[in-house]
Amino acid sequence: MAEKEQKAAKEAKEPKEAKEPKGEKKDKGEKAPPQEKAAPKTPKVDYGKDFKYIVRIVNSDLDGIKPTIIAIQGVKGVGARVADIIVRKAGVDRMAKIGTVSDEKIDEIEKLIKSFSEYTPSWAVNRQHDLESGADLHIVGIDMEVSLKDDINRMKMIRSYKGVRHETGQKVRGQRTRANGRTGLTLGVMRQKLQQQASAGKTEDKK
């Protein structure tokens, strides 16, 4: 009886540990994973009812939050120099968000992009002496992709050096291909050395 009372007293003194659910064993050495801090939410800016978040110019969707000179460079064929000329000619503030620009000015910018070759010198356009028309043109948007494909196909058809390089997937503009841009069954430097050593060993064995 005395032994039972002593055991009961010990159990009462020791704090009872919470029973773990079956099938889950907790390792004492494991630490709880650190809680990731949630990224601070950026407050949304209200630009007003008339603000255009997407501006459509030459079949291209432009971000209305970007400045005008940056946004119109989203049109294929319009770079930094072309954008600067167009913004100046249109009389639009280059740093104003394109979403705040009026529809009339956007239409004017689109017309200036399409007719860029008419009011700029020939060295500023992206297609000089066109093969079909012989004129100096500035191609933008989808027309740029179509003309590029046509040019590559023409080079392939006449079997020019550049056309053959395009067909075989090699570099076209004279870049080195020994160490970079390898295609096909090319061997690495170390593998080539090992192959040479193996072939040398075979010739010695034959002798």
N, C-alpha and C. Protein backbone atom coordinates (compact mmCIF):
# COMPACT_ATOMS: atom_id res chain seq x y z
N MET A 1 0.83 -1.19 0.00
CA MET A 1 0.00 0.00 0.00
C MET A 1 0.87 1.25 0.00
N ALA A 2 1.95 1.20 0.81
CA ALA A 2 2.83 2.37 0.91
C ALA A 2 3.50 2.67 -0.42
N GLU A 3 3.90 1.60 -1.15
CA GLU A 3 4.54 1.79 -2.46
C GLU A 3 3.57 2.42 -3.47
N LYS A 4 2.31 1.97 -3.46
CA LYS A 4 1.31 2.53 -4.37
C LYS A 4 1.08 4.01 -4.09
N GLU A 5 1.04 4.39 -2.81
CA GLU A 5 0.82 5.80 -2.45
C GLU A 5 2.00 6.66 -2.90
N GLN A 6 3.26 6.13 -2.76
CA GLN A 6 4.44 6.89 -3.21
C GLN A 6 4.41 7.13 -4.73
N LYS A 7 4.05 6.07 -5.53
CA LYS A 7 3.95 6.22 -6.98
C LYS A 7 2.91 7.26 -7.36
N ALA A 8 1.76 7.23 -6.68
CA ALA A 8 0.68 8.18 -6.96
C ALA A 8 1.12 9.60 -6.65
N ALA A 9 1.90 9.76 -5.58
CA ALA A 9 2.39 11.10 -5.22
C ALA A 9 3.38 11.63 -6.26
N LYS A 10 4.28 10.74 -6.80
CA LYS A 10 5.25 11.13 -7.82
C LYS A 10 4.54 11.56 -9.11
N GLU A 11 3.52 10.78 -9.51
CA GLU A 11 2.78 11.09 -10.73
C GLU A 11 2.06 12.43 -10.61
N ALA A 12 1.58 12.73 -9.41
CA ALA A 12 0.87 14.01 -9.19
C ALA A 12 1.83 15.18 -9.30
N LYS A 13 3.09 14.99 -8.80
CA LYS A 13 4.09 16.08 -8.85
C LYS A 13 4.57 16.34 -10.28
N GLU A 14 4.82 15.28 -11.09
CA GLU A 14 5.33 15.43 -12.46
C GLU A 14 4.22 15.93 -13.39
N PRO A 15 4.49 16.99 -14.20
CA PRO A 15 3.45 17.48 -15.12
C PRO A 15 3.21 16.48 -16.22
N LYS A 16 1.94 16.25 -16.50
CA LYS A 16 1.58 15.29 -17.54
C LYS A 16 1.82 15.91 -18.92
N GLU A 17 2.57 15.18 -19.79
CA GLU A 17 2.84 15.64 -21.15
C GLU A 17 1.63 15.37 -22.04
N ALA A 18 1.39 16.30 -22.92
CA ALA A 18 0.25 16.14 -23.84
C ALA A 18 0.51 14.95 -24.75
N LYS A 19 -0.50 14.11 -24.86
CA LYS A 19 -0.35 12.93 -25.69
C LYS A 19 -0.31 13.31 -27.16
N GLU A 20 0.65 12.73 -27.88
CA GLU A 20 0.78 13.00 -29.31
C GLU A 20 -0.18 12.09 -30.07
N PRO A 21 -0.72 12.59 -31.17
CA PRO A 21 -1.62 11.72 -31.97
C PRO A 21 -0.85 10.56 -32.57
N LYS A 22 -1.58 9.46 -32.78
CA LYS A 22 -0.95 8.25 -33.29
C LYS A 22 -0.45 8.49 -34.71
N GLY A 23 0.69 7.86 -35.03
CA GLY A 23 1.25 7.96 -36.37
C GLY A 23 2.17 9.15 -36.56
N GLU A 24 2.24 10.09 -35.60
CA GLU A 24 3.11 11.26 -35.69
C GLU A 24 4.11 11.23 -34.54
N LYS A 25 5.36 11.06 -34.88
CA LYS A 25 6.43 11.05 -33.88
C LYS A 25 7.20 12.35 -33.99
N LYS A 26 7.34 13.01 -32.90
CA LYS A 26 8.03 14.30 -32.87
C LYS A 26 9.47 14.10 -32.43
N ASP A 27 10.41 14.46 -33.29
CA ASP A 27 11.82 14.37 -32.93
C ASP A 27 12.19 15.58 -32.09
N LYS A 28 12.95 15.29 -31.01
CA LYS A 28 13.33 16.39 -30.11
C LYS A 28 14.30 17.34 -30.77
N GLY A 29 15.15 16.83 -31.70
CA GLY A 29 16.16 17.67 -32.34
C GLY A 29 15.59 18.62 -33.38
N GLU A 30 14.38 18.32 -33.90
CA GLU A 30 13.80 19.15 -34.96
C GLU A 30 13.29 20.47 -34.39
N LYS A 31 13.51 21.52 -35.19
CA LYS A 31 13.01 22.83 -34.79
C LYS A 31 11.83 23.20 -35.68
N ALA A 32 10.98 24.02 -35.16
CA ALA A 32 9.82 24.46 -35.94
C ALA A 32 10.29 25.33 -37.10
N PRO A 33 9.73 25.14 -38.30
CA PRO A 33 10.18 25.94 -39.45
C PRO A 33 9.89 27.42 -39.23
N PRO A 34 10.83 28.28 -39.63
CA PRO A 34 10.61 29.72 -39.41
C PRO A 34 9.45 30.23 -40.25
N GLN A 35 8.64 31.05 -39.66
CA GLN A 35 7.48 31.60 -40.36
C GLN A 35 7.94 32.71 -41.30
N GLU A 36 7.54 32.57 -42.57
CA GLU A 36 7.91 33.58 -43.56
C GLU A 36 7.07 34.83 -43.37
N LYS A 37 7.76 35.95 -43.43
CA LYS A 37 7.05 37.22 -43.27
C LYS A 37 6.35 37.57 -44.58
N ALA A 38 5.12 37.95 -44.48
CA ALA A 38 4.34 38.32 -45.66
C ALA A 38 4.90 39.61 -46.26
N ALA A 39 5.02 39.64 -47.59
CA ALA A 39 5.55 40.82 -48.27
C ALA A 39 4.57 41.97 -48.11
N PRO A 40 5.09 43.17 -47.87
CA PRO A 40 4.18 44.31 -47.69
C PRO A 40 3.42 44.62 -48.97
N LYS A 41 2.14 44.79 -48.86
CA LYS A 41 1.31 45.06 -50.03
C LYS A 41 1.49 46.50 -50.49
N THR A 42 1.74 46.64 -51.79
CA THR A 42 1.90 47.99 -52.35
C THR A 42 0.52 48.61 -52.53
N PRO A 43 0.33 49.79 -52.03
CA PRO A 43 -1.00 50.41 -52.14
C PRO A 43 -1.33 50.76 -53.59
N LYS A 44 -2.56 50.46 -53.99
CA LYS A 44 -2.99 50.77 -55.36
C LYS A 44 -3.26 52.25 -55.50
N VAL A 45 -2.75 52.81 -56.59
CA VAL A 45 -2.92 54.24 -56.85
C VAL A 45 -4.12 54.42 -57.76
N ASP A 46 -4.99 55.32 -57.40
CA ASP A 46 -6.17 55.61 -58.21
C ASP A 46 -5.84 56.79 -59.13
N TYR A 47 -5.78 56.52 -60.43
CA TYR A 47 -5.43 57.57 -61.40
C TYR A 47 -6.65 58.31 -61.94
N GLY A 48 -7.82 57.93 -61.50
CA GLY A 48 -9.03 58.60 -61.96
C GLY A 48 -9.81 57.75 -62.95
N LYS A 49 -11.02 58.22 -63.26
CA LYS A 49 -11.92 57.47 -64.14
C LYS A 49 -11.45 57.46 -65.59
N ASP A 50 -10.89 58.56 -66.04
CA ASP A 50 -10.50 58.68 -67.46
C ASP A 50 -9.15 58.04 -67.77
N PHE A 51 -8.48 57.50 -66.76
CA PHE A 51 -7.15 56.91 -66.98
C PHE A 51 -7.26 55.59 -67.73
N LYS A 52 -6.41 55.41 -68.75
CA LYS A 52 -6.42 54.18 -69.56
C LYS A 52 -5.23 53.31 -69.13
N TYR A 53 -5.50 52.15 -68.54
CA TYR A 53 -4.44 51.26 -68.07
C TYR A 53 -3.77 50.51 -69.23
N ILE A 54 -4.51 50.31 -70.32
CA ILE A 54 -3.94 49.70 -71.52
C ILE A 54 -4.26 50.61 -72.70
N VAL A 55 -3.21 50.97 -73.43
CA VAL A 55 -3.36 51.84 -74.60
C VAL A 55 -3.00 51.03 -75.85
N ARG A 56 -3.86 51.06 -76.84
CA ARG A 56 -3.68 50.28 -78.07
C ARG A 56 -3.11 51.19 -79.16
N ILE A 57 -1.87 50.86 -79.60
CA ILE A 57 -1.22 51.61 -80.68
C ILE A 57 -0.57 50.60 -81.63
N VAL A 58 -0.88 50.69 -82.91
CA VAL A 58 -0.32 49.83 -83.97
C VAL A 58 -0.42 48.35 -83.56
N ASN A 59 -1.62 47.92 -83.20
CA ASN A 59 -1.90 46.52 -82.83
C ASN A 59 -1.01 46.03 -81.68
N SER A 60 -0.63 46.93 -80.79
CA SER A 60 0.20 46.57 -79.62
C SER A 60 -0.44 47.15 -78.37
N ASP A 61 -0.51 46.32 -77.31
CA ASP A 61 -1.05 46.77 -76.03
C ASP A 61 0.08 47.36 -75.19
N LEU A 62 -0.05 48.64 -74.86
CA LEU A 62 0.98 49.34 -74.10
C LEU A 62 0.50 49.60 -72.68
N ASP A 63 1.43 49.54 -71.74
CA ASP A 63 1.12 49.76 -70.32
C ASP A 63 0.87 51.24 -70.09
N GLY A 64 -0.33 51.57 -69.61
CA GLY A 64 -0.71 52.97 -69.42
C GLY A 64 0.01 53.66 -68.29
N ILE A 65 0.63 52.90 -67.38
CA ILE A 65 1.32 53.50 -66.22
C ILE A 65 2.70 54.01 -66.62
N LYS A 66 3.27 53.48 -67.70
CA LYS A 66 4.63 53.88 -68.10
C LYS A 66 4.64 55.27 -68.72
N PRO A 67 5.78 55.97 -68.65
CA PRO A 67 5.89 57.27 -69.35
C PRO A 67 5.75 57.08 -70.85
N THR A 68 5.31 58.11 -71.54
CA THR A 68 4.99 58.01 -72.97
C THR A 68 6.19 57.57 -73.78
N ILE A 69 7.37 58.15 -73.51
CA ILE A 69 8.57 57.83 -74.30
C ILE A 69 9.02 56.38 -74.10
N ILE A 70 8.72 55.80 -72.93
CA ILE A 70 9.06 54.40 -72.66
C ILE A 70 7.99 53.48 -73.21
N ALA A 71 6.73 53.87 -73.05
CA ALA A 71 5.61 53.00 -73.42
C ALA A 71 5.57 52.73 -74.92
N ILE A 72 5.79 53.75 -75.76
CA ILE A 72 5.67 53.55 -77.21
C ILE A 72 6.81 52.70 -77.77
N GLN A 73 7.85 52.48 -76.96
CA GLN A 73 8.91 51.57 -77.38
C GLN A 73 8.47 50.10 -77.31
N GLY A 74 7.27 49.86 -76.77
CA GLY A 74 6.70 48.52 -76.78
C GLY A 74 6.23 48.09 -78.15
N VAL A 75 6.12 49.04 -79.08
CA VAL A 75 5.77 48.71 -80.46
C VAL A 75 7.04 48.24 -81.17
N LYS A 76 6.97 47.10 -81.87
CA LYS A 76 8.14 46.57 -82.57
C LYS A 76 8.53 47.53 -83.69
N GLY A 77 9.82 47.85 -83.72
CA GLY A 77 10.32 48.79 -84.72
C GLY A 77 10.47 50.20 -84.20
N VAL A 78 10.04 50.44 -82.96
CA VAL A 78 10.17 51.76 -82.33
C VAL A 78 11.19 51.64 -81.21
N GLY A 79 12.34 52.26 -81.39
CA GLY A 79 13.38 52.26 -80.37
C GLY A 79 13.43 53.59 -79.64
N ALA A 80 14.52 53.81 -78.91
CA ALA A 80 14.65 55.04 -78.10
C ALA A 80 14.72 56.28 -78.98
N ARG A 81 15.49 56.20 -80.08
CA ARG A 81 15.65 57.37 -80.97
C ARG A 81 14.34 57.70 -81.70
N VAL A 82 13.68 56.67 -82.21
CA VAL A 82 12.41 56.87 -82.92
C VAL A 82 11.35 57.42 -81.96
N ALA A 83 11.31 56.88 -80.74
CA ALA A 83 10.33 57.34 -79.75
C ALA A 83 10.56 58.81 -79.40
N ASP A 84 11.81 59.21 -79.28
CA ASP A 84 12.13 60.60 -78.95
C ASP A 84 11.66 61.54 -80.06
N ILE A 85 11.88 61.15 -81.32
CA ILE A 85 11.46 61.99 -82.46
C ILE A 85 9.94 62.11 -82.49
N ILE A 86 9.23 61.00 -82.27
CA ILE A 86 7.77 60.99 -82.35
C ILE A 86 7.14 61.82 -81.24
N VAL A 87 7.67 61.69 -80.02
CA VAL A 87 7.12 62.43 -78.88
C VAL A 87 7.31 63.93 -79.08
N ARG A 88 8.47 64.32 -79.60
CA ARG A 88 8.71 65.74 -79.87
C ARG A 88 7.78 66.28 -80.94
N LYS A 89 7.59 65.49 -82.01
CA LYS A 89 6.75 65.94 -83.12
C LYS A 89 5.29 66.02 -82.72
N ALA A 90 4.85 65.09 -81.83
CA ALA A 90 3.46 65.09 -81.37
C ALA A 90 3.18 66.17 -80.33
N GLY A 91 4.24 66.70 -79.71
CA GLY A 91 4.07 67.75 -78.70
C GLY A 91 3.49 67.21 -77.40
N VAL A 92 3.88 65.99 -77.03
CA VAL A 92 3.41 65.35 -75.79
C VAL A 92 4.54 65.35 -74.77
N ASP A 93 4.17 65.52 -73.50
CA ASP A 93 5.17 65.46 -72.43
C ASP A 93 5.73 64.04 -72.36
N ARG A 94 7.04 63.92 -72.54
CA ARG A 94 7.65 62.58 -72.62
C ARG A 94 7.53 61.80 -71.34
N MET A 95 7.49 62.46 -70.18
CA MET A 95 7.43 61.77 -68.90
C MET A 95 6.00 61.60 -68.38
N ALA A 96 5.01 62.13 -69.11
CA ALA A 96 3.60 61.94 -68.71
C ALA A 96 3.19 60.50 -68.97
N LYS A 97 2.42 59.94 -68.07
CA LYS A 97 1.96 58.55 -68.25
C LYS A 97 1.07 58.50 -69.48
N ILE A 98 1.32 57.47 -70.30
CA ILE A 98 0.59 57.40 -71.58
C ILE A 98 -0.91 57.18 -71.36
N GLY A 99 -1.29 56.68 -70.18
CA GLY A 99 -2.71 56.50 -69.87
C GLY A 99 -3.45 57.80 -69.67
N THR A 100 -2.71 58.88 -69.41
CA THR A 100 -3.35 60.19 -69.22
C THR A 100 -3.41 61.00 -70.52
N VAL A 101 -2.74 60.51 -71.57
CA VAL A 101 -2.72 61.23 -72.85
C VAL A 101 -4.09 61.09 -73.51
N SER A 102 -4.56 62.17 -74.13
CA SER A 102 -5.89 62.16 -74.76
C SER A 102 -5.91 61.25 -75.97
N ASP A 103 -7.11 60.83 -76.36
CA ASP A 103 -7.28 59.93 -77.51
C ASP A 103 -6.81 60.58 -78.81
N GLU A 104 -7.00 61.90 -78.92
CA GLU A 104 -6.57 62.62 -80.13
C GLU A 104 -5.05 62.54 -80.28
N LYS A 105 -4.34 62.73 -79.17
CA LYS A 105 -2.87 62.68 -79.21
C LYS A 105 -2.38 61.26 -79.49
N ILE A 106 -3.09 60.25 -78.96
CA ILE A 106 -2.70 58.86 -79.20
C ILE A 106 -2.86 58.52 -80.69
N ASP A 107 -3.97 59.00 -81.29
CA ASP A 107 -4.17 58.80 -82.73
C ASP A 107 -3.07 59.49 -83.53
N GLU A 108 -2.66 60.66 -83.07
CA GLU A 108 -1.58 61.40 -83.75
C GLU A 108 -0.25 60.65 -83.64
N ILE A 109 0.02 60.09 -82.45
CA ILE A 109 1.25 59.31 -82.25
C ILE A 109 1.25 58.09 -83.17
N GLU A 110 0.10 57.43 -83.29
CA GLU A 110 -0.01 56.25 -84.16
C GLU A 110 0.26 56.61 -85.62
N LYS A 111 -0.29 57.74 -86.07
CA LYS A 111 -0.06 58.18 -87.45
C LYS A 111 1.42 58.51 -87.67
N LEU A 112 2.06 59.14 -86.68
CA LEU A 112 3.47 59.50 -86.80
C LEU A 112 4.36 58.25 -86.85
N ILE A 113 3.96 57.21 -86.12
CA ILE A 113 4.73 55.95 -86.14
C ILE A 113 4.62 55.30 -87.52
N LYS A 114 3.40 55.28 -88.07
CA LYS A 114 3.18 54.62 -89.36
C LYS A 114 3.84 55.38 -90.52
N SER A 115 3.89 56.70 -90.40
CA SER A 115 4.46 57.53 -91.49
C SER A 115 5.86 58.05 -91.13
N PHE A 116 6.60 57.28 -90.35
CA PHE A 116 7.91 57.75 -89.86
C PHE A 116 8.90 58.00 -91.00
N SER A 117 8.84 57.16 -92.04
CA SER A 117 9.81 57.27 -93.15
C SER A 117 9.56 58.51 -94.01
N GLU A 118 8.39 59.14 -93.88
CA GLU A 118 8.06 60.30 -94.72
C GLU A 118 8.73 61.59 -94.24
N TYR A 119 8.98 61.71 -92.94
CA TYR A 119 9.51 62.98 -92.42
C TYR A 119 10.90 62.82 -91.76
N THR A 120 11.55 61.69 -91.96
CA THR A 120 12.90 61.49 -91.41
C THR A 120 13.87 61.13 -92.54
N PRO A 121 15.16 61.39 -92.34
CA PRO A 121 16.14 61.03 -93.38
C PRO A 121 16.25 59.53 -93.57
N SER A 122 16.81 59.12 -94.69
CA SER A 122 16.86 57.70 -95.04
C SER A 122 17.72 56.89 -94.07
N TRP A 123 18.74 57.53 -93.45
CA TRP A 123 19.60 56.77 -92.54
C TRP A 123 18.91 56.42 -91.23
N ALA A 124 17.75 57.04 -90.93
CA ALA A 124 17.06 56.81 -89.66
C ALA A 124 16.03 55.69 -89.73
N VAL A 125 15.73 55.18 -90.93
CA VAL A 125 14.71 54.14 -91.06
C VAL A 125 15.34 52.76 -90.93
N ASN A 126 14.51 51.75 -90.73
CA ASN A 126 15.03 50.40 -90.47
C ASN A 126 15.02 49.49 -91.69
N ARG A 127 14.56 49.98 -92.86
CA ARG A 127 14.58 49.16 -94.08
C ARG A 127 14.89 50.05 -95.28
N GLN A 128 16.16 50.18 -95.56
CA GLN A 128 16.60 51.03 -96.67
C GLN A 128 16.67 50.21 -97.96
N HIS A 129 16.27 50.85 -99.07
CA HIS A 129 16.32 50.22 -100.41
C HIS A 129 15.61 48.86 -100.40
N ASP A 130 14.32 48.90 -100.13
CA ASP A 130 13.53 47.67 -100.10
C ASP A 130 13.64 46.92 -101.43
N LEU A 131 13.80 45.60 -101.38
CA LEU A 131 14.03 44.80 -102.59
C LEU A 131 12.86 44.86 -103.56
N GLU A 132 11.65 44.93 -103.06
CA GLU A 132 10.47 44.93 -103.93
C GLU A 132 10.17 46.32 -104.49
N SER A 133 10.18 47.33 -103.62
CA SER A 133 9.81 48.69 -104.06
C SER A 133 11.01 49.59 -104.32
N GLY A 134 12.15 49.28 -103.68
CA GLY A 134 13.35 50.12 -103.81
C GLY A 134 13.31 51.38 -102.96
N ALA A 135 12.23 51.56 -102.18
CA ALA A 135 12.09 52.76 -101.36
C ALA A 135 12.68 52.54 -99.98
N ASP A 136 12.88 53.65 -99.26
CA ASP A 136 13.33 53.59 -97.86
C ASP A 136 12.10 53.55 -96.97
N LEU A 137 11.92 52.45 -96.27
CA LEU A 137 10.73 52.24 -95.44
C LEU A 137 11.11 52.08 -93.97
N HIS A 138 10.12 52.34 -93.12
CA HIS A 138 10.28 52.05 -91.69
C HIS A 138 9.14 51.13 -91.30
N ILE A 139 9.45 49.85 -91.10
CA ILE A 139 8.43 48.83 -90.84
C ILE A 139 8.24 48.67 -89.33
N VAL A 140 6.99 48.59 -88.89
CA VAL A 140 6.68 48.44 -87.47
C VAL A 140 5.62 47.36 -87.28
N GLY A 141 5.52 46.85 -86.05
CA GLY A 141 4.47 45.91 -85.69
C GLY A 141 4.63 44.55 -86.34
N ILE A 142 3.51 43.98 -86.77
CA ILE A 142 3.49 42.63 -87.35
C ILE A 142 4.22 42.60 -88.68
N ASP A 143 4.18 43.71 -89.42
CA ASP A 143 4.85 43.78 -90.73
C ASP A 143 6.35 43.50 -90.60
N MET A 144 6.92 43.86 -89.46
CA MET A 144 8.34 43.66 -89.24
C MET A 144 8.67 42.16 -89.16
N GLU A 145 7.83 41.39 -88.47
CA GLU A 145 8.05 39.94 -88.36
C GLU A 145 7.87 39.27 -89.72
N VAL A 146 6.85 39.70 -90.47
CA VAL A 146 6.57 39.10 -91.78
C VAL A 146 7.72 39.36 -92.74
N SER A 147 8.21 40.60 -92.77
CA SER A 147 9.31 40.94 -93.69
C SER A 147 10.59 40.20 -93.32
N LEU A 148 10.83 39.99 -92.02
CA LEU A 148 12.02 39.25 -91.58
C LEU A 148 11.96 37.79 -92.05
N LYS A 149 10.78 37.16 -91.90
CA LYS A 149 10.61 35.77 -92.36
C LYS A 149 10.79 35.67 -93.88
N ASP A 150 10.25 36.66 -94.60
CA ASP A 150 10.37 36.66 -96.07
C ASP A 150 11.82 36.78 -96.49
N ASP A 151 12.58 37.62 -95.81
CA ASP A 151 13.99 37.81 -96.14
C ASP A 151 14.79 36.53 -95.92
N ILE A 152 14.53 35.85 -94.82
CA ILE A 152 15.25 34.60 -94.51
C ILE A 152 14.88 33.51 -95.52
N ASN A 153 13.59 33.42 -95.86
CA ASN A 153 13.16 32.42 -96.85
C ASN A 153 13.77 32.70 -98.22
N ARG A 154 13.90 33.98 -98.58
CA ARG A 154 14.51 34.34 -99.86
C ARG A 154 15.98 33.91 -99.90
N MET A 155 16.69 34.13 -98.80
CA MET A 155 18.09 33.73 -98.73
C MET A 155 18.25 32.22 -98.80
N LYS A 156 17.30 31.50 -98.21
CA LYS A 156 17.33 30.03 -98.28
C LYS A 156 17.08 29.54 -99.71
N MET A 157 16.13 30.19 -100.39
CA MET A 157 15.76 29.78 -101.75
C MET A 157 16.91 29.98 -102.75
N ILE A 158 17.62 31.11 -102.63
CA ILE A 158 18.72 31.37 -103.57
C ILE A 158 20.01 30.70 -103.13
N ARG A 159 19.96 29.99 -102.00
CA ARG A 159 21.11 29.23 -101.49
C ARG A 159 22.32 30.12 -101.25
N SER A 160 22.08 31.29 -100.66
CA SER A 160 23.20 32.16 -100.30
C SER A 160 23.88 31.61 -99.05
N TYR A 161 25.07 32.16 -98.75
CA TYR A 161 25.82 31.68 -97.58
C TYR A 161 24.99 31.86 -96.31
N LYS A 162 24.37 33.02 -96.16
CA LYS A 162 23.56 33.29 -94.97
C LYS A 162 22.34 32.37 -94.92
N GLY A 163 21.76 32.09 -96.09
CA GLY A 163 20.61 31.20 -96.12
C GLY A 163 20.95 29.79 -95.70
N VAL A 164 22.12 29.30 -96.16
CA VAL A 164 22.57 27.95 -95.77
C VAL A 164 22.84 27.90 -94.28
N ARG A 165 23.44 28.96 -93.74
CA ARG A 165 23.71 29.01 -92.29
C ARG A 165 22.41 29.01 -91.49
N HIS A 166 21.40 29.74 -92.00
CA HIS A 166 20.09 29.74 -91.34
C HIS A 166 19.48 28.34 -91.36
N GLU A 167 19.60 27.65 -92.49
CA GLU A 167 19.02 26.31 -92.62
C GLU A 167 19.65 25.32 -91.64
N THR A 168 20.97 25.39 -91.50
CA THR A 168 21.68 24.44 -90.64
C THR A 168 21.69 24.85 -89.17
N GLY A 169 21.14 26.02 -88.86
CA GLY A 169 21.07 26.48 -87.47
C GLY A 169 22.39 26.99 -86.93
N GLN A 170 23.30 27.39 -87.83
CA GLN A 170 24.60 27.92 -87.41
C GLN A 170 24.54 29.43 -87.27
N LYS A 171 25.58 29.99 -86.68
CA LYS A 171 25.65 31.45 -86.54
C LYS A 171 25.88 32.07 -87.92
N VAL A 172 25.26 33.24 -88.15
CA VAL A 172 25.20 33.83 -89.49
C VAL A 172 26.20 34.96 -89.65
N ARG A 173 26.52 35.67 -88.59
CA ARG A 173 27.26 36.93 -88.73
C ARG A 173 28.74 36.83 -88.40
N GLY A 174 29.33 35.67 -88.68
CA GLY A 174 30.78 35.55 -88.55
C GLY A 174 31.29 35.29 -87.16
N GLN A 175 30.41 34.89 -86.22
CA GLN A 175 30.87 34.61 -84.87
C GLN A 175 31.66 33.29 -84.85
N ARG A 176 32.51 33.14 -83.85
CA ARG A 176 33.28 31.90 -83.71
C ARG A 176 32.35 30.78 -83.26
N THR A 177 32.63 29.56 -83.73
CA THR A 177 31.79 28.41 -83.37
C THR A 177 32.61 27.27 -82.78
N ARG A 178 33.91 27.50 -82.56
CA ARG A 178 34.74 26.43 -82.01
C ARG A 178 34.36 26.14 -80.55
N ALA A 179 34.19 27.19 -79.76
CA ALA A 179 33.89 27.00 -78.34
C ALA A 179 32.45 27.38 -78.00
N ASN A 180 31.81 28.15 -78.86
CA ASN A 180 30.47 28.64 -78.54
C ASN A 180 29.51 28.33 -79.69
N GLY A 181 28.25 28.06 -79.35
CA GLY A 181 27.25 27.80 -80.37
C GLY A 181 27.44 26.48 -81.07
N ARG A 182 27.83 25.46 -80.33
CA ARG A 182 28.05 24.14 -80.95
C ARG A 182 26.73 23.45 -81.21
N THR A 183 26.65 22.79 -82.36
CA THR A 183 25.45 22.02 -82.69
C THR A 183 25.87 20.69 -83.31
N GLY A 184 24.96 19.75 -83.30
CA GLY A 184 25.23 18.46 -83.94
C GLY A 184 26.15 17.58 -83.11
N LEU A 185 26.98 16.77 -83.81
CA LEU A 185 27.84 15.79 -83.14
C LEU A 185 29.22 16.36 -82.82
N THR A 186 29.25 17.54 -82.21
CA THR A 186 30.53 18.15 -81.84
C THR A 186 30.98 17.60 -80.50
N LEU A 187 32.29 17.44 -80.34
CA LEU A 187 32.86 16.90 -79.10
C LEU A 187 33.45 18.02 -78.27
N GLY A 188 33.40 17.84 -76.94
CA GLY A 188 34.06 18.77 -76.04
C GLY A 188 35.56 18.59 -76.09
N VAL A 189 36.31 19.53 -75.51
CA VAL A 189 37.78 19.50 -75.57
C VAL A 189 38.31 18.28 -74.85
N MET A 190 37.85 18.01 -73.62
CA MET A 190 38.33 16.87 -72.83
C MET A 190 37.94 15.54 -73.49
N ARG A 191 36.73 15.48 -74.01
CA ARG A 191 36.27 14.25 -74.65
C ARG A 191 37.08 13.96 -75.92
N GLN A 192 37.44 15.04 -76.61
CA GLN A 192 38.22 14.89 -77.84
C GLN A 192 39.63 14.36 -77.51
N LYS A 193 40.21 14.88 -76.43
CA LYS A 193 41.55 14.41 -76.02
C LYS A 193 41.52 12.93 -75.65
N LEU A 194 40.49 12.53 -74.89
CA LEU A 194 40.37 11.13 -74.49
C LEU A 194 40.20 10.21 -75.70
N GLN A 195 39.44 10.71 -76.67
CA GLN A 195 39.23 9.92 -77.88
C GLN A 195 40.53 9.75 -78.67
N GLN A 196 41.32 10.84 -78.71
CA GLN A 196 42.62 10.77 -79.41
C GLN A 196 43.57 9.80 -78.69
N GLN A 197 43.58 9.84 -77.35
CA GLN A 197 44.43 8.94 -76.58
C GLN A 197 44.02 7.48 -76.79
N ALA A 198 42.72 7.24 -76.85
CA ALA A 198 42.21 5.88 -77.05
C ALA A 198 42.62 5.36 -78.43
N SER A 199 42.48 6.23 -79.44
CA SER A 199 42.83 5.81 -80.80
C SER A 199 44.34 5.57 -80.91
N ALA A 200 45.15 6.41 -80.21
CA ALA A 200 46.60 6.21 -80.20
C ALA A 200 46.98 4.89 -79.54
N GLY A 201 46.29 4.53 -78.44
CA GLY A 201 46.53 3.26 -77.75
C GLY A 201 46.20 2.06 -78.62
N LYS A 202 45.14 2.18 -79.42
CA LYS A 202 44.77 1.08 -80.30
C LYS A 202 45.81 0.84 -81.39
N THR A 203 46.36 1.93 -81.94
CA THR A 203 47.39 1.80 -82.98
C THR A 203 48.66 1.16 -82.43
N GLU A 204 49.01 1.51 -81.17
CA GLU A 204 50.18 0.91 -80.54
C GLU A 204 49.99 -0.60 -80.32
N ASP A 205 48.78 -0.98 -79.92
CA ASP A 205 48.47 -2.39 -79.69
C ASP A 205 48.59 -3.21 -80.99
N LYS A 206 48.18 -2.60 -82.10
CA LYS A 206 48.25 -3.28 -83.39
C LYS A 206 49.71 -3.53 -83.79
N LYS A 207 50.57 -2.56 -83.50
CA LYS A 207 51.99 -2.69 -83.82
C LYS A 207 52.64 -3.84 -83.01
